[in-house]
Amino acid sequence: MIAKSARMMVQMCVDSGCEVVAIDCFADSDTRQMAKQTYQVPSLAWDDIQATVAAVREVHGLTELVYGSGLETYPETLSGLEKDWRIIGNSAAIFQRVQDKRDFFAQLDSLSIRHPPVVFTKPEDGFDWLLKPWRGEGGLGIRFCNNDELTDGYWQRYIEGRSMSVLFAASRDGVELIGFNEQWTVKSEGGQSFLFAGIASHAKVSRSVQSEIADWLDRLVNDYGLRGLNSMDFMLRAGKCYVLEINARISASAQLYGKSLLLKHLQACQNSRDNSGELSAEPSAYQIVYAQKTVTIPERLIWPSWTADRPNPGSIVATGEPICSIIATGKNSGQVLDNLHRQQRILANLLETGL
């Protein structure tokens, strides 16, 4: 497993009864506990992981690899990995093509798929335009356009509405919709305006929206040759969907739909569809807790069971950086969000007192 943070995928493997070796940038305590071995790297740049990847192959004799978030910024890394490993997921060529924004929005137009207006030269009217980086994940680098700034990226018209995603499994046989999700962002102390903060499963959307999204995904999967678990982000306003991007890898929402998702990913990558795996019908949510100030993780802190991505004792988390994650469940979406807020208050008190 390799990702900026591999904890979620390690959890999926362990839940499926598999042993796993993880490479990521955090080496959180729960990742270390679950994985057979965890290797920490400074970034996912090829130069930073090449020696580690070679060591993993030599020490553990592994030949197959699953990747998660973080490679959007380092497309050359996936190409390098593909030379020596069997990638279980989208190929480097497919992954990189989806990341090519000019190609992606041109494809949406050719397939008659609705999206917000996009331009690749600075718009004359700077109002209601978002400036987005060519490559990025988790909302990093997205901000409202300032007429005075000169920078590299593309511009997308801002749309007010519900920020949504759909998790799906793609194979040669077609697309299986797994679930619709509602997601939210925060404005961080570090100056990020649209930082990914959380996602809730089993979002309610109309049948017409479900049908339209299913039709669009059929076209996109066929066009790109997507395989395995993927997700698509979109805005929903006044009953109309506007596609933002495709995440051509396992996304954060996968941890909210039960313990059979890794098997579904493996099967879809092998172009087989098996609906025997049971998906969780329980609404749940995942939220990243960002540091409002510099935090030192207490040495004897006992983490509640509903926390994940737990930093190691004594770690220093800078302002604006993620401390950990919270996962909440409930009978309905309102109860899930209430539990999420209650858990956040409990965690803040634990970190303050160290008890």
Protein backbone atom coordinates (compact mmCIF):
# COMPACT_ATOMS: atom_id res chain seq x y z
CA MET A 1 0.00 0.00 0.00
CA ILE A 2 1.24 3.46 -0.79
CA ALA A 3 -0.53 6.76 -0.11
CA LYS A 4 0.04 10.10 1.54
CA SER A 5 -1.83 8.53 4.45
CA ALA A 6 -2.27 4.76 4.09
CA ARG A 7 -4.21 4.08 7.31
CA MET A 8 -7.61 3.73 5.65
CA MET A 9 -6.37 1.24 3.05
CA VAL A 10 -4.42 -0.71 5.69
CA GLN A 11 -7.65 -0.95 7.69
CA MET A 12 -9.49 -2.21 4.60
CA CYS A 13 -6.84 -4.89 4.08
CA VAL A 14 -6.88 -6.04 7.70
CA ASP A 15 -10.69 -6.13 7.67
CA SER A 16 -10.45 -8.40 4.62
CA GLY A 17 -8.04 -10.74 6.39
CA CYS A 18 -4.92 -9.67 4.49
CA GLU A 19 -1.46 -8.77 5.73
CA VAL A 20 -0.15 -5.48 4.39
CA VAL A 21 3.03 -3.41 4.23
CA ALA A 22 2.43 0.35 4.15
CA ILE A 23 4.41 3.28 2.76
CA ASP A 24 3.14 6.74 3.69
CA CYS A 25 4.11 10.19 4.93
CA PHE A 26 2.78 9.96 8.49
CA ALA A 27 3.30 6.42 9.86
CA ASP A 28 0.55 7.07 12.40
CA SER A 29 0.35 4.84 15.45
CA ASP A 30 -2.77 2.96 14.30
CA THR A 31 -1.22 2.38 10.86
CA ARG A 32 1.85 0.91 12.57
CA GLN A 33 -0.30 -1.32 14.77
CA MET A 34 -2.32 -2.76 11.89
CA ALA A 35 0.32 -3.11 9.16
CA LYS A 36 2.92 -5.87 9.11
CA GLN A 37 5.43 -3.06 8.65
CA THR A 38 5.13 0.67 7.99
CA TYR A 39 7.70 2.80 6.16
CA GLN A 40 7.58 6.57 6.51
CA VAL A 41 8.71 8.77 3.60
CA PRO A 42 9.00 12.59 3.44
CA SER A 43 6.82 12.81 0.33
CA LEU A 44 5.53 10.64 -2.52
CA ALA A 45 8.01 12.12 -5.00
CA TRP A 46 9.86 9.37 -6.86
CA ASP A 47 13.23 10.42 -5.43
CA ASP A 48 11.82 10.21 -1.90
CA ILE A 49 10.29 6.74 -2.21
CA GLN A 50 12.52 4.89 -4.69
CA ALA A 51 14.89 3.37 -2.12
CA THR A 52 12.04 2.50 0.26
CA VAL A 53 10.03 0.78 -2.46
CA ALA A 54 13.07 -1.24 -3.50
CA ALA A 55 13.66 -2.25 0.13
CA VAL A 56 10.04 -3.35 0.55
CA ARG A 57 10.28 -5.49 -2.57
CA GLU A 58 13.53 -7.09 -1.43
CA VAL A 59 12.64 -7.64 2.24
CA HIS A 60 9.03 -8.77 1.82
CA GLY A 61 9.10 -10.26 -1.68
CA LEU A 62 5.97 -8.37 -2.69
CA THR A 63 4.96 -7.81 -6.31
CA GLU A 64 1.49 -6.20 -6.10
CA LEU A 65 0.65 -2.68 -5.01
CA VAL A 66 -2.49 -0.66 -4.24
CA TYR A 67 -2.26 3.14 -4.16
CA GLY A 68 -4.37 5.84 -2.57
CA SER A 69 -4.38 9.62 -2.32
CA GLY A 70 -1.36 11.87 -2.77
CA LEU A 71 -0.02 10.72 -6.14
CA GLU A 72 -1.97 13.44 -7.96
CA THR A 73 0.95 15.78 -7.25
CA TYR A 74 3.56 13.21 -8.32
CA PRO A 75 2.41 11.54 -11.55
CA GLU A 76 5.95 10.38 -12.34
CA THR A 77 5.89 8.21 -9.20
CA LEU A 78 3.11 5.97 -10.47
CA SER A 79 4.94 5.56 -13.79
CA GLY A 80 8.06 4.53 -11.87
CA LEU A 81 6.17 2.06 -9.69
CA GLU A 82 4.52 0.47 -12.71
CA LYS A 83 7.87 -0.70 -14.06
CA ASP A 84 8.45 -3.17 -11.22
CA TRP A 85 5.06 -3.70 -9.61
CA ARG A 86 1.66 -5.00 -10.65
CA ILE A 87 -0.59 -2.04 -9.91
CA ILE A 88 -4.04 -3.00 -8.60
CA GLY A 89 -6.00 0.02 -9.75
CA ASN A 90 -5.94 2.41 -12.67
CA SER A 91 -2.76 2.38 -14.73
CA ALA A 92 -0.39 5.35 -14.66
CA ALA A 93 -1.54 6.35 -18.16
CA ILE A 94 -5.23 6.38 -17.16
CA PHE A 95 -4.52 8.12 -13.85
CA GLN A 96 -2.49 10.83 -15.56
CA ARG A 97 -5.01 11.32 -18.34
CA VAL A 98 -7.79 11.92 -15.79
CA GLN A 99 -5.51 14.50 -14.14
CA ASP A 100 -5.03 16.37 -17.44
CA LYS A 101 -7.56 19.16 -16.90
CA ARG A 102 -7.66 20.34 -20.50
CA ASP A 103 -8.35 16.81 -21.70
CA PHE A 104 -10.81 16.08 -18.90
CA PHE A 105 -13.10 19.05 -19.50
CA ALA A 106 -12.86 18.56 -23.26
CA GLN A 107 -14.02 14.97 -22.70
CA LEU A 108 -16.91 16.13 -20.54
CA ASP A 109 -17.98 18.47 -23.35
CA SER A 110 -17.68 15.75 -25.98
CA LEU A 111 -19.76 13.39 -23.83
CA SER A 112 -22.39 16.08 -23.11
CA ILE A 113 -21.67 16.03 -19.37
CA ARG A 114 -22.47 19.21 -17.46
CA HIS A 115 -19.70 21.01 -15.55
CA PRO A 116 -19.03 24.54 -14.29
CA PRO A 117 -17.51 26.90 -16.88
CA VAL A 118 -13.72 26.41 -17.07
CA VAL A 119 -11.08 28.63 -18.72
CA PHE A 120 -7.33 28.20 -19.05
CA THR A 121 -6.41 31.87 -19.35
CA LYS A 122 -7.09 34.41 -16.64
CA PRO A 123 -10.71 35.65 -16.87
CA GLU A 124 -11.24 39.37 -17.29
CA ASP A 125 -13.92 39.39 -14.63
CA GLY A 126 -12.27 37.92 -11.52
CA PHE A 127 -15.50 37.61 -9.56
CA ASP A 128 -16.93 34.17 -8.75
CA TRP A 129 -13.99 32.32 -10.30
CA LEU A 130 -11.95 29.74 -8.43
CA LEU A 131 -8.27 29.34 -9.20
CA LYS A 132 -7.32 25.66 -9.10
CA PRO A 133 -3.89 24.00 -9.38
CA TRP A 134 -3.18 21.70 -12.33
CA ARG A 135 -2.50 18.89 -9.88
CA GLY A 136 -3.67 18.54 -6.32
CA GLU A 137 -5.85 16.66 -3.87
CA GLY A 138 -7.86 17.42 -0.77
CA GLY A 139 -8.67 20.94 -1.93
CA LEU A 140 -5.07 22.12 -1.50
CA GLY A 141 -4.31 25.30 -3.42
CA ILE A 142 -7.91 26.13 -4.41
CA ARG A 143 -8.87 29.75 -3.77
CA PHE A 144 -11.00 32.55 -5.10
CA CYS A 145 -9.44 34.34 -8.02
CA ASN A 146 -7.70 37.64 -7.30
CA ASN A 147 -7.39 39.93 -10.30
CA ASP A 148 -3.91 41.05 -9.22
CA GLU A 149 -2.32 37.63 -8.94
CA LEU A 150 -0.28 35.91 -11.62
CA THR A 151 -0.04 32.17 -11.14
CA ASP A 152 -0.22 28.82 -12.90
CA GLY A 153 -3.42 26.82 -12.94
CA TYR A 154 -6.90 26.94 -14.40
CA TRP A 155 -10.06 28.83 -13.51
CA GLN A 156 -13.47 27.38 -12.74
CA ARG A 157 -16.68 29.29 -12.13
CA TYR A 158 -17.74 29.03 -8.48
CA ILE A 159 -21.10 27.30 -7.96
CA GLU A 160 -23.03 27.59 -4.72
CA GLY A 161 -24.73 24.32 -3.78
CA ARG A 162 -24.27 20.93 -2.14
CA SER A 163 -20.74 19.56 -2.46
CA MET A 164 -21.20 15.89 -3.35
CA SER A 165 -19.34 12.80 -4.45
CA VAL A 166 -20.29 9.36 -5.67
CA LEU A 167 -18.25 6.24 -4.90
CA PHE A 168 -18.31 3.63 -7.65
CA ALA A 169 -16.64 0.42 -8.81
CA ALA A 170 -15.66 0.26 -12.47
CA SER A 171 -14.96 -2.84 -14.52
CA ARG A 172 -15.16 -3.96 -18.12
CA ASP A 173 -18.73 -5.03 -17.37
CA GLY A 174 -19.80 -1.53 -16.38
CA VAL A 175 -20.30 0.63 -13.30
CA GLU A 176 -21.65 -0.21 -9.86
CA LEU A 177 -22.79 2.81 -7.85
CA ILE A 178 -21.85 2.21 -4.22
CA GLY A 179 -23.06 5.39 -2.57
CA PHE A 180 -23.61 9.14 -2.74
CA ASN A 181 -21.84 11.33 -0.20
CA GLU A 182 -22.00 14.89 1.05
CA GLN A 183 -18.67 16.54 1.78
CA TRP A 184 -17.50 19.77 3.33
CA THR A 185 -14.40 21.95 3.50
CA VAL A 186 -12.81 24.34 5.97
CA LYS A 187 -10.78 27.50 5.67
CA SER A 188 -7.52 26.69 7.40
CA GLU A 189 -5.23 28.86 9.49
CA GLY A 190 -2.56 28.22 6.88
CA GLY A 191 -4.47 30.18 4.24
CA GLN A 192 -6.17 27.29 2.45
CA SER A 193 -9.74 28.25 1.52
CA PHE A 194 -11.27 24.92 0.47
CA LEU A 195 -9.43 22.28 2.48
CA PHE A 196 -11.20 18.91 2.53
CA ALA A 197 -12.56 18.41 6.06
CA GLY A 198 -15.04 15.57 5.97
CA ILE A 199 -17.55 13.39 4.19
CA ALA A 200 -20.86 11.74 5.14
CA SER A 201 -22.20 8.59 3.50
CA HIS A 202 -25.67 7.67 2.22
CA ALA A 203 -26.53 11.20 1.12
CA LYS A 204 -30.09 11.61 -0.13
CA VAL A 205 -30.35 12.48 -3.82
CA SER A 206 -33.30 12.22 -6.17
CA ARG A 207 -33.78 9.31 -8.54
CA SER A 208 -33.32 11.64 -11.49
CA VAL A 209 -29.91 12.72 -10.15
CA GLN A 210 -28.93 9.09 -9.54
CA SER A 211 -29.96 8.19 -13.08
CA GLU A 212 -28.08 11.11 -14.62
CA ILE A 213 -24.91 10.36 -12.65
CA ALA A 214 -25.09 6.65 -13.56
CA ASP A 215 -25.41 7.56 -17.23
CA TRP A 216 -22.46 9.95 -17.06
CA LEU A 217 -20.28 7.40 -15.28
CA ASP A 218 -21.08 4.76 -17.89
CA ARG A 219 -19.75 7.12 -20.55
CA LEU A 220 -16.68 8.18 -18.56
CA VAL A 221 -15.69 4.63 -17.52
CA ASN A 222 -15.99 3.50 -21.12
CA ASP A 223 -14.01 6.51 -22.37
CA TYR A 224 -11.17 6.34 -19.85
CA GLY A 225 -11.13 2.61 -19.15
CA LEU A 226 -11.37 3.20 -15.40
CA ARG A 227 -11.02 0.16 -13.13
CA GLY A 228 -11.61 -0.56 -9.45
CA LEU A 229 -12.89 1.87 -6.84
CA ASN A 230 -13.06 5.51 -7.95
CA SER A 231 -15.07 8.55 -6.98
CA MET A 232 -16.45 11.58 -8.79
CA ASP A 233 -16.92 14.99 -7.17
CA PHE A 234 -19.80 17.18 -8.27
CA MET A 235 -21.90 20.13 -7.18
CA LEU A 236 -25.66 19.80 -6.87
CA ARG A 237 -27.68 22.99 -7.29
CA ALA A 238 -31.41 23.30 -7.98
CA GLY A 239 -31.59 19.64 -9.00
CA LYS A 240 -28.74 19.90 -11.53
CA CYS A 241 -25.34 18.22 -11.26
CA TYR A 242 -22.05 19.87 -12.27
CA VAL A 243 -19.01 17.58 -12.45
CA LEU A 244 -15.80 18.84 -10.83
CA GLU A 245 -13.34 15.95 -11.10
CA ILE A 246 -12.77 12.21 -10.94
CA ASN A 247 -10.53 10.72 -8.27
CA ALA A 248 -9.12 7.73 -10.14
CA ARG A 249 -8.15 5.83 -6.98
CA ILE A 250 -9.63 4.66 -3.68
CA SER A 251 -11.09 7.71 -1.94
CA ALA A 252 -11.90 8.59 1.68
CA SER A 253 -15.57 7.61 1.33
CA ALA A 254 -14.59 3.93 0.85
CA GLN A 255 -14.15 3.48 4.62
CA LEU A 256 -17.82 4.37 5.19
CA TYR A 257 -19.39 1.46 3.30
CA GLY A 258 -18.34 -1.65 5.18
CA LYS A 259 -15.56 -4.23 5.23
CA SER A 260 -15.98 -5.72 1.76
CA LEU A 261 -14.81 -2.70 -0.24
CA LEU A 262 -11.25 -3.90 -0.78
CA LEU A 263 -12.57 -7.15 -2.25
CA LYS A 264 -14.84 -5.13 -4.53
CA HIS A 265 -11.81 -3.09 -5.68
CA LEU A 266 -9.78 -6.24 -6.41
CA GLN A 267 -12.65 -7.87 -8.29
CA ALA A 268 -13.41 -4.78 -10.37
CA CYS A 269 -9.73 -4.48 -11.33
CA GLN A 270 -9.92 -8.10 -12.54
CA ASN A 271 -13.05 -7.17 -14.53
CA SER A 272 -15.40 -9.31 -12.47
CA ARG A 273 -18.46 -8.15 -10.60
CA ASP A 274 -19.51 -10.00 -7.49
CA ASN A 275 -22.38 -8.48 -5.53
CA SER A 276 -22.12 -10.99 -2.70
CA GLY A 277 -20.15 -8.58 -0.49
CA GLU A 278 -22.41 -6.80 1.97
CA LEU A 279 -22.24 -3.01 2.06
CA SER A 280 -22.92 -1.11 5.25
CA ALA A 281 -26.39 0.46 5.28
CA GLU A 282 -25.60 2.52 8.38
CA PRO A 283 -25.08 6.26 7.81
CA SER A 284 -21.60 7.35 8.88
CA ALA A 285 -19.17 10.21 8.49
CA TYR A 286 -15.44 10.84 8.49
CA GLN A 287 -13.93 14.16 9.55
CA ILE A 288 -10.37 15.43 9.67
CA VAL A 289 -9.50 17.41 12.80
CA TYR A 290 -7.11 20.26 12.00
CA ALA A 291 -4.95 21.97 14.62
CA GLN A 292 -6.20 25.44 15.59
CA LYS A 293 -2.82 26.00 17.25
CA THR A 294 0.41 24.04 17.59
CA VAL A 295 -0.35 20.81 19.46
CA THR A 296 2.00 18.35 21.16
CA ILE A 297 0.44 14.89 21.40
CA PRO A 298 0.41 13.79 25.07
CA GLU A 299 2.60 10.78 25.86
CA ARG A 300 -0.12 8.83 27.69
CA LEU A 301 -3.15 9.90 25.71
CA ILE A 302 -5.72 7.11 25.39
CA TRP A 303 -7.38 7.62 22.03
CA PRO A 304 -11.14 6.98 21.85
CA SER A 305 -12.14 4.07 19.62
CA TRP A 306 -13.80 6.43 17.13
CA THR A 307 -10.54 8.23 16.30
CA ALA A 308 -8.22 7.24 13.44
CA ASP A 309 -4.98 8.46 11.87
CA ARG A 310 -3.57 8.86 15.37
CA PRO A 311 -0.19 10.62 15.57
CA ASN A 312 2.53 9.05 17.66
CA PRO A 313 3.05 10.21 21.28
CA GLY A 314 5.16 13.34 21.49
CA SER A 315 4.45 14.36 17.88
CA ILE A 316 4.16 18.09 17.28
CA VAL A 317 1.31 19.10 14.97
CA ALA A 318 1.64 22.61 13.54
CA THR A 319 -1.26 25.05 13.17
CA GLY A 320 -3.43 24.10 10.20
CA GLU A 321 -2.08 20.55 9.96
CA PRO A 322 -4.28 17.47 10.50
CA ILE A 323 -4.19 16.06 14.05
CA CYS A 324 -6.28 12.96 13.47
CA SER A 325 -9.66 11.84 12.10
CA ILE A 326 -13.03 11.10 13.65
CA ILE A 327 -15.51 8.50 12.42
CA ALA A 328 -19.12 8.73 13.60
CA THR A 329 -22.19 6.58 13.00
CA GLY A 330 -25.88 7.00 13.71
CA LYS A 331 -29.42 6.04 12.76
CA ASN A 332 -29.74 8.97 10.38
CA SER A 333 -27.64 11.80 8.95
CA GLY A 334 -28.72 14.26 11.67
CA GLN A 335 -27.63 11.90 14.44
CA VAL A 336 -24.34 11.23 12.66
CA LEU A 337 -23.51 14.95 12.53
CA ASP A 338 -24.56 15.43 16.17
CA ASN A 339 -22.24 12.58 17.19
CA LEU A 340 -19.45 14.05 15.08
CA HIS A 341 -19.72 17.41 16.85
CA ARG A 342 -19.89 15.75 20.29
CA GLN A 343 -16.82 13.63 19.54
CA GLN A 344 -14.92 16.70 18.37
CA ARG A 345 -15.59 18.44 21.70
CA ILE A 346 -14.46 15.35 23.64
CA LEU A 347 -11.26 15.13 21.59
CA ALA A 348 -10.46 18.82 22.08
CA ASN A 349 -10.73 18.33 25.85
CA LEU A 350 -8.55 15.20 25.77
CA LEU A 351 -5.81 16.98 23.83
CA GLU A 352 -5.99 19.96 26.19
CA THR A 353 -5.79 17.93 29.39
CA GLY A 354 -3.73 15.00 28.11
CA LEU A 355 -6.08 12.58 29.91
